[in-house]
Protein backbone atom coordinates (compact mmCIF):
# COMPACT_ATOMS: atom_id res chain seq x y z
CA UNK A 1 136.40 117.47 23.80
CA UNK A 2 135.28 116.11 27.17
CA UNK A 3 135.20 112.34 27.50
CA UNK A 4 132.36 111.43 29.94
CA UNK A 5 134.14 108.44 31.47
CA UNK A 6 137.53 110.11 31.85
CA UNK A 7 138.80 108.87 35.27
CA UNK A 8 140.54 112.21 35.83
CA UNK A 9 137.22 114.08 35.90
CA UNK A 10 135.22 114.32 39.14
CA UNK A 11 132.21 112.01 39.27
CA UNK A 12 128.77 113.57 38.98
CA UNK A 13 126.43 113.16 41.92
CA UNK A 14 124.28 110.80 39.84
CA UNK A 15 127.31 108.60 39.14
CA UNK A 16 128.27 108.65 42.83
CA UNK A 17 124.76 107.59 43.77
CA UNK A 18 124.82 104.77 41.24
CA UNK A 19 128.22 103.63 42.49
CA UNK A 20 126.93 103.70 46.07
CA UNK A 21 123.94 101.52 45.18
CA UNK A 22 126.13 99.08 43.25
CA UNK A 23 128.59 98.88 46.13
CA UNK A 24 125.87 98.33 48.74
CA UNK A 25 124.00 95.66 46.81
CA UNK A 26 127.20 93.75 46.01
CA UNK A 27 127.81 92.97 49.70
CA UNK A 28 127.03 89.51 51.05
CA UNK A 29 127.84 90.01 54.74
CA UNK A 30 126.07 92.32 57.20
CA UNK A 31 129.29 93.76 58.60
CA UNK A 32 130.65 94.53 55.15
CA UNK A 33 127.29 96.05 54.19
CA UNK A 34 127.43 98.49 57.13
CA UNK A 35 131.01 99.44 56.28
CA UNK A 36 129.92 100.05 52.69
CA UNK A 37 127.17 102.40 53.90
CA UNK A 38 129.69 104.43 55.93
CA UNK A 39 131.99 104.67 52.92
CA UNK A 40 129.15 105.63 50.55
CA UNK A 41 127.69 108.35 52.80
CA UNK A 42 131.15 109.75 53.52
CA UNK A 43 131.90 110.00 49.79
CA UNK A 44 128.54 111.55 48.99
CA UNK A 45 128.40 114.15 51.77
CA UNK A 46 132.00 114.61 52.98
CA UNK A 47 130.65 114.20 56.51
CA UNK A 48 133.61 113.74 58.89
CA UNK A 49 131.62 111.40 61.14
CA UNK A 50 129.32 108.64 59.91
CA UNK A 51 128.15 105.80 62.17
CA UNK A 52 125.79 102.88 61.64
CA UNK A 53 123.93 101.39 64.60
CA UNK A 54 121.94 98.21 64.99
CA UNK A 55 119.27 98.02 67.66
CA UNK A 56 119.10 95.41 70.40
CA UNK A 57 116.50 94.63 73.06
CA UNK A 58 118.61 92.24 75.14
CA UNK A 59 117.93 92.17 78.86
CA UNK A 60 114.68 94.00 78.23
CA UNK A 61 116.45 97.28 77.51
CA UNK A 62 116.66 99.00 74.15
CA UNK A 63 120.25 99.71 73.17
CA UNK A 64 122.26 100.59 70.08
CA UNK A 65 125.44 98.92 68.93
CA UNK A 66 127.93 100.48 66.51
CA UNK A 67 128.56 98.08 63.63
CA UNK A 68 130.51 100.50 61.43
CA UNK A 69 131.85 104.01 62.01
CA UNK A 70 134.35 106.65 60.93
CA UNK A 71 134.28 108.12 64.45
CA UNK A 72 137.51 107.24 66.32
CA UNK A 73 135.78 107.97 69.65
CA UNK A 74 132.91 105.59 68.92
CA UNK A 75 134.44 102.72 66.94
CA UNK A 76 132.79 99.50 65.84
CA UNK A 77 131.80 97.48 68.87
CA UNK A 78 130.75 100.47 70.98
CA UNK A 79 127.63 99.60 72.95
CA UNK A 80 125.16 102.25 74.06
CA UNK A 81 123.54 100.29 76.88
CA UNK A 82 120.69 102.73 77.37
CA UNK A 83 119.20 105.21 74.95
CA UNK A 84 117.71 107.36 77.70
CA UNK A 85 120.75 109.64 77.52
CA UNK A 86 120.74 109.65 73.71
CA UNK A 87 117.54 111.54 73.03
CA UNK A 88 118.15 112.06 69.31
CA UNK A 89 118.57 108.32 68.71
CA UNK A 90 115.45 107.43 70.69
CA UNK A 91 113.42 110.19 69.01
CA UNK A 92 114.42 108.88 65.58
CA UNK A 93 113.34 105.36 66.55
CA UNK A 94 109.98 106.50 67.91
CA UNK A 95 109.14 108.91 65.09
CA UNK A 96 110.77 107.02 62.21
CA UNK A 97 111.74 110.46 60.94
CA UNK A 98 115.05 112.24 60.34
CA UNK A 99 116.19 114.06 63.48
CA UNK A 100 118.35 117.19 63.30
CA UNK A 101 120.49 118.52 66.17
CA UNK A 102 122.28 121.86 65.87
CA UNK A 103 125.88 121.81 67.15
CA UNK A 104 128.33 124.62 67.83
CA UNK A 105 130.44 123.66 64.85
CA UNK A 106 127.88 122.08 62.62
CA UNK A 107 124.87 119.78 62.60
CA UNK A 108 124.08 116.20 63.56
CA UNK A 109 121.44 114.20 61.74
CA UNK A 110 120.03 110.78 62.59
CA UNK A 111 118.31 108.74 59.86
CA UNK A 112 116.17 105.64 60.53
CA UNK A 113 117.10 102.32 58.94
CA UNK A 114 113.82 100.64 58.08
CA UNK A 115 113.16 96.96 57.52
CA UNK A 116 109.60 96.09 56.53
CA UNK A 117 108.26 99.22 58.18
CA UNK A 118 110.17 98.84 61.45
CA UNK A 119 113.29 100.68 62.63
CA UNK A 120 116.09 98.10 62.82
CA UNK A 121 119.00 100.53 62.98
CA UNK A 122 120.18 104.11 62.68
CA UNK A 123 122.56 106.14 60.56
CA UNK A 124 124.22 109.10 62.30
CA UNK A 125 126.02 111.83 60.35
CA UNK A 126 127.76 114.92 61.65
CA UNK A 127 128.35 117.78 59.25
CA UNK A 128 130.65 120.76 59.82
CA UNK A 129 129.47 124.33 59.15
CA UNK A 130 131.60 124.62 56.03
CA UNK A 131 129.80 121.63 54.50
CA UNK A 132 126.16 121.81 55.46
CA UNK A 133 124.84 121.62 51.91
CA UNK A 134 123.54 118.09 51.68
CA UNK A 135 120.32 116.36 50.72
CA UNK A 136 118.37 114.53 53.40
CA UNK A 137 116.38 112.83 50.65
CA UNK A 138 119.57 111.49 49.04
CA UNK A 139 121.00 110.21 52.32
CA UNK A 140 117.69 108.63 53.34
CA UNK A 141 117.35 106.99 49.92
CA UNK A 142 120.77 105.37 50.25
CA UNK A 143 119.86 104.34 53.80
CA UNK A 144 116.66 102.75 52.47
CA UNK A 145 118.68 100.75 49.93
CA UNK A 146 120.89 99.63 52.81
CA UNK A 147 117.84 98.61 54.88
CA UNK A 148 116.30 96.65 52.01
CA UNK A 149 119.52 94.76 51.30
CA UNK A 150 120.08 94.15 55.01
CA UNK A 151 116.62 92.60 55.16
CA UNK A 152 117.50 90.25 52.29
CA UNK A 153 120.76 89.22 53.95
CA UNK A 154 118.96 88.66 57.24
CA UNK A 155 116.44 86.47 55.46
CA UNK A 156 119.22 84.24 54.11
CA UNK A 157 121.46 84.32 57.19
CA UNK A 158 118.89 84.10 59.99
CA UNK A 159 117.08 81.06 61.31
CA UNK A 160 113.37 81.47 60.66
CA UNK A 161 112.25 80.12 64.04
CA UNK A 162 114.69 81.73 66.50
CA UNK A 163 116.03 84.70 64.46
CA UNK A 164 119.58 83.70 65.44
CA UNK A 165 122.18 83.37 62.70
CA UNK A 166 121.85 80.09 60.80
CA UNK A 167 124.25 77.39 59.61
CA UNK A 168 125.14 79.25 56.42
CA UNK A 169 126.08 82.32 58.43
CA UNK A 170 128.23 80.15 60.70
CA UNK A 171 130.08 78.74 57.71
CA UNK A 172 130.72 82.26 56.43
CA UNK A 173 131.94 83.42 59.84
CA UNK A 174 134.30 80.47 60.26
CA UNK A 175 135.75 80.89 56.79
CA UNK A 176 136.45 84.56 57.43
CA UNK A 177 137.52 84.49 61.09
CA UNK A 178 139.88 81.53 60.97
CA UNK A 179 141.80 82.99 58.05
CA UNK A 180 142.08 86.56 59.31
CA UNK A 181 145.75 87.57 59.13
CA UNK A 182 145.25 90.26 61.78
CA UNK A 183 143.97 87.75 64.31
CA UNK A 184 146.80 85.35 63.53
CA UNK A 185 149.35 88.13 64.05
CA UNK A 186 147.78 89.09 67.38
CA UNK A 187 147.95 85.52 68.61
CA UNK A 188 151.58 85.23 67.47
CA UNK A 189 152.38 88.42 69.38
CA UNK A 190 151.10 86.86 72.58
CA UNK A 191 147.99 89.03 72.94
CA UNK A 192 145.95 86.10 74.21
CA UNK A 193 142.97 84.22 72.90
CA UNK A 194 140.99 85.64 70.02
CA UNK A 195 137.87 84.06 71.44
CA UNK A 196 136.13 80.80 72.31
CA UNK A 197 133.79 78.57 70.35
CA UNK A 198 130.98 76.81 72.24
CA UNK A 199 128.49 74.15 71.18
CA UNK A 200 125.24 74.04 73.15
CA UNK A 201 122.84 71.10 73.00
CA UNK A 202 119.46 71.00 74.77
CA UNK A 203 119.28 67.82 76.82
CA UNK A 204 116.65 65.17 75.95
CA UNK A 205 115.06 67.40 73.31
CA UNK A 206 113.68 64.44 71.37
CA UNK A 207 111.81 63.43 74.51
CA UNK A 208 110.30 66.94 74.65
CA UNK A 209 109.05 66.65 71.07
CA UNK A 210 107.74 63.12 71.62
CA UNK A 211 105.86 63.88 74.84
CA UNK A 212 104.76 67.50 74.32
CA UNK A 213 104.61 67.77 70.54
CA UNK A 214 106.67 69.67 67.98
CA UNK A 215 104.82 72.96 68.45
CA UNK A 216 105.83 73.03 72.09
CA UNK A 217 109.34 71.93 71.08
CA UNK A 218 109.50 74.99 68.83
CA UNK A 219 108.44 77.16 71.77
CA UNK A 220 111.29 75.76 73.87
CA UNK A 221 113.74 76.58 71.07
CA UNK A 222 112.43 80.15 70.86
CA UNK A 223 112.68 80.70 74.62
CA UNK A 224 116.16 79.16 74.62
CA UNK A 225 117.26 81.57 71.86
CA UNK A 226 115.78 84.54 73.75
CA UNK A 227 117.73 83.56 76.86
CA UNK A 228 120.89 83.32 74.75
CA UNK A 229 120.38 86.87 73.49
CA UNK A 230 119.84 88.12 77.04
CA UNK A 231 122.82 86.24 78.49
CA UNK A 232 125.62 86.91 76.02
CA UNK A 233 127.23 90.20 75.04
CA UNK A 234 126.19 92.25 72.04
CA UNK A 235 129.45 91.45 70.20
CA UNK A 236 129.22 87.68 70.72
CA UNK A 237 127.97 85.71 67.72
CA UNK A 238 124.97 83.41 68.28
CA UNK A 239 123.85 80.72 65.85
CA UNK A 240 121.26 77.98 65.58
CA UNK A 241 123.06 75.21 63.76
CA UNK A 242 120.02 72.98 63.46
CA UNK A 243 117.55 71.06 65.60
CA UNK A 244 118.40 71.62 69.28
CA UNK A 245 122.04 72.50 68.54
CA UNK A 246 123.36 76.04 68.97
CA UNK A 247 126.70 77.82 68.74
CA UNK A 248 128.02 80.77 70.73
CA UNK A 249 131.21 82.53 69.65
CA UNK A 250 132.58 84.53 72.57
CA UNK A 251 134.68 87.29 71.02
CA UNK A 252 137.90 88.50 72.63
CA UNK A 253 137.39 86.08 75.53
CA UNK A 254 139.90 83.73 77.15
CA UNK A 255 138.95 80.21 78.16
CA UNK A 256 138.58 80.85 81.88
CA UNK A 257 136.24 83.78 81.28
CA UNK A 258 134.28 81.82 78.69
CA UNK A 259 133.73 79.00 81.18
CA UNK A 260 132.34 81.46 83.72
CA UNK A 261 129.96 82.95 81.13
CA UNK A 262 128.83 79.56 79.85
CA UNK A 263 128.33 78.17 83.36
CA UNK A 264 126.20 81.21 84.18
CA UNK A 265 124.11 80.56 81.05
CA UNK A 266 123.78 76.86 81.93
CA UNK A 267 122.44 77.90 85.34
CA UNK A 268 120.06 80.40 83.73
CA UNK A 269 118.55 77.65 81.57
CA UNK A 270 118.27 75.13 84.42
CA UNK A 271 116.55 77.69 86.67
CA UNK A 272 114.16 79.04 84.03
CA UNK A 273 110.57 77.91 84.45
CA UNK A 274 109.54 76.45 81.09
CA UNK A 275 105.77 76.04 80.90
CA UNK A 276 104.55 72.42 80.92
CA UNK A 277 108.08 71.13 81.55
CA UNK A 278 109.24 73.37 84.38
CA UNK A 279 112.94 72.56 83.78
CA UNK A 280 115.09 72.25 80.68
CA UNK A 281 118.85 71.72 80.82
CA UNK A 282 121.71 72.23 78.38
CA UNK A 283 125.09 70.57 77.91
CA UNK A 284 127.93 72.74 76.57
CA UNK A 285 131.35 72.05 75.08
CA UNK A 286 133.84 74.86 74.43
CA UNK A 287 137.27 75.29 72.86
CA UNK A 288 139.60 78.21 72.24
CA UNK A 289 139.63 79.66 68.72
CA UNK A 290 143.06 79.36 67.13
CA UNK A 291 143.96 81.19 63.90
CA UNK A 292 144.55 78.98 60.87
CA UNK A 293 142.65 76.13 62.52
CA UNK A 294 140.36 74.40 60.05
CA UNK A 295 136.67 74.92 60.78
CA UNK A 296 136.02 71.19 61.04
CA UNK A 297 138.82 70.81 63.58
CA UNK A 298 137.50 73.66 65.72
CA UNK A 299 134.02 72.16 65.75
CA UNK A 300 135.47 68.72 66.48
CA UNK A 301 137.27 70.01 69.58
CA UNK A 302 134.19 71.66 71.04
CA UNK A 303 132.12 68.64 70.09
CA UNK A 304 134.42 66.28 72.00
CA UNK A 305 133.93 68.38 75.12
CA UNK A 306 130.16 68.38 74.48
CA UNK A 307 130.13 64.62 73.92
CA UNK A 308 132.01 64.10 77.20
CA UNK A 309 129.35 66.07 79.05
CA UNK A 310 126.54 64.15 77.37
CA UNK A 311 128.07 60.91 78.62
CA UNK A 312 128.84 62.11 82.14
CA UNK A 313 125.51 63.34 83.45
CA UNK A 314 124.57 66.19 81.03
CA UNK A 315 123.63 69.68 82.29
CA UNK A 316 127.29 70.76 82.50
CA UNK A 317 130.03 72.75 80.76
CA UNK A 318 133.33 71.21 79.66
CA UNK A 319 136.35 72.62 77.83
CA UNK A 320 138.32 70.64 75.28
CA UNK A 321 141.60 72.01 76.64
CA UNK A 322 140.87 70.82 80.18
CA UNK A 323 139.77 67.36 79.09
CA UNK A 324 142.65 67.03 76.65
CA UNK A 325 145.21 67.87 79.33
CA UNK A 326 143.65 65.28 81.61
CA UNK A 327 143.73 62.68 78.84
CA UNK A 328 139.97 62.15 79.18
CA UNK A 329 139.36 62.29 75.44
CA UNK A 330 141.44 59.33 74.26
CA UNK A 331 138.48 56.98 74.58
CA UNK A 332 136.29 59.30 72.50
CA UNK A 333 138.39 59.31 69.32
CA UNK A 334 136.39 56.52 67.70
CA UNK A 335 133.02 57.63 68.98
CA UNK A 336 130.46 59.14 66.58
CA UNK A 337 130.17 62.90 66.86
CA UNK A 338 126.97 64.41 68.21
CA UNK A 339 127.56 67.62 66.23
CA UNK A 340 127.61 67.25 62.47
CA UNK A 341 130.56 68.80 60.67
CA UNK A 342 130.30 70.69 57.40
């Protein structure tokens, strides 16, 4: 007698599909969701290479970023800066249809990831000749489930005005990143900083709202967010914490490099011609990210550097480590923080 739920028996394709849907919809983070899609498609098709891309229009150029992949030659974090040389990816975006490319040893297929009728990403699968029997409809259906769930997560983790990640997403990132054993081990092994955490505050924003109105204030916030997306790398994390306060997490970046990047962004903002106002400026405080550091402490360090800049002329970038070494922060210990902690 065959027992249907015997774990020793191979799963039917229907059960595999159900498991894939359950696994996808149980995810609560975008990165984990993409990794779940790679795992699900690999299990369903036995494809040796499965990659998930997200699309980006930073710097006015359409590009694709790998957010999950089983391809060792194109791991997570790979950035395809221009799609002109990736005709199959661009064709899939423009047609919103499955694209098939015949290879010497198999076949490559690109599936569109749709969110509310627009292509927000791509799924790439490469099949070998010995395993070309697969269903495009099945793969696209799973990809559609992924796109729908991604849209829901984006709705809860994105700021409605600027489309940057919101405060809840920042809390999730801090809780995960600061307790990552792999990052702690790397730091202990002397592999350098795991990144830098920057707080950015638009100068005199209340004055902008009071003199120009809140609708124009919203426009300034949107332009500011667009300039952030254009100025930082695809693998940096950008957040709107609330009001005129923003966060930039510079991944795999030491403090000296972070200061160069942030100073360049400060200059970009000060030189941008904002309609009606002409000039807007930003004050920035930054601190290195240390494993095991409590999220409140990390924010406090960057906030002290930000607060120093606010009280010494604004429109500048300061690092907690530099100020701390110079003993400039002792007088700030009892001062109220400009950046609210969790």
